[in-house]
C-alpha cells in the first residue's frame, strides 16, 4: 500500500496498481475528457478549432486528452475497474465527466460506465452557471455530471448530512477560475461529497487525477487521509505546497 497523505507523480495507470485491494473508502476524480480526440480527430493544441481557442493546456502532459475515442473509452473502463478493485466493499466513487458533442452526435459517459464492474447509484448534475463560447447551433452547455458509483449494492458509507450546502442531486456551484490549472473543479464540489461521509478517523480518499489537489485539500480539511496522483511534476509540487503551507493539520 502506498504511504498515506502524499501526492505521487506519475501515470495513474501504473500508480494505482500499488494500492491494495479493498483499501480505499472514497474516490473523487475527474479524468481528461478526451475532447480534442473525440471521434478520432487528433488535433494539435492551440489550433484554430474551438478546443484550441480555449487555451486548454495541461502543462504539456495530457496526451490522453487526444486519444481515438474507442481507445479512450476502453481506457476508462479499465481505469474504472481498477477503482473497483481498490475500493472497500462499502466504498464509493464520484466520477466527474460530461456529455460531449462531435459531428452533431452526443456521447454520454454512461455508455462506458455501465461496461465497468462498478454499480451506478446516482447521477448528480453540477450546474456550473456558465459555458465556454461554442457554435450557436445548440443550447449552451452549462452543466457537468458527477456519477456516484459503488462497489456493492448494499448501503455504502454515506449518510446525507443536513449541514451540507446541497441536499438534492443538482448542485449550483460556479466553475473554478484557478489560473494554475485549466480545468480544476471547485473545492466546494468535493466538500459537498465529503461532508456526507461518516468519519471514524481512518477514511482514505483517493484522486487518481489530482491536478492541483482540490480533492486532497478538501480531504485534509475534513480530517481524512488522502492519496493523490498526477502526471505533472508542476501540479504535484503546487499541491504539496498548498497542503503543507496553507492547509493546517
Foldseek 3Di string as FASTA:
>chain_A
DDDWPAEAADALVPVLVPAAFQAAAEEEEEAQQLQCQEQNNQDDALDPDPRNVLVADAVPPPCLSNDHPVVNLVVVQVVVQSVLGRHHQQHKYKYKYAWHDDPNDIDDNVVSVVVHQWAFDDKAKEQQPDAPDDDPPDPGDRIIIITITGNDPPHHQFDQDPPQPDRDRYHYHHADPDPQHSHDGALSVLLNRVVGGDPPLAHEYEYADQQLNSNSLSCVLVNYIYYYYHNDPVSSVNNVCCVVPPRDD
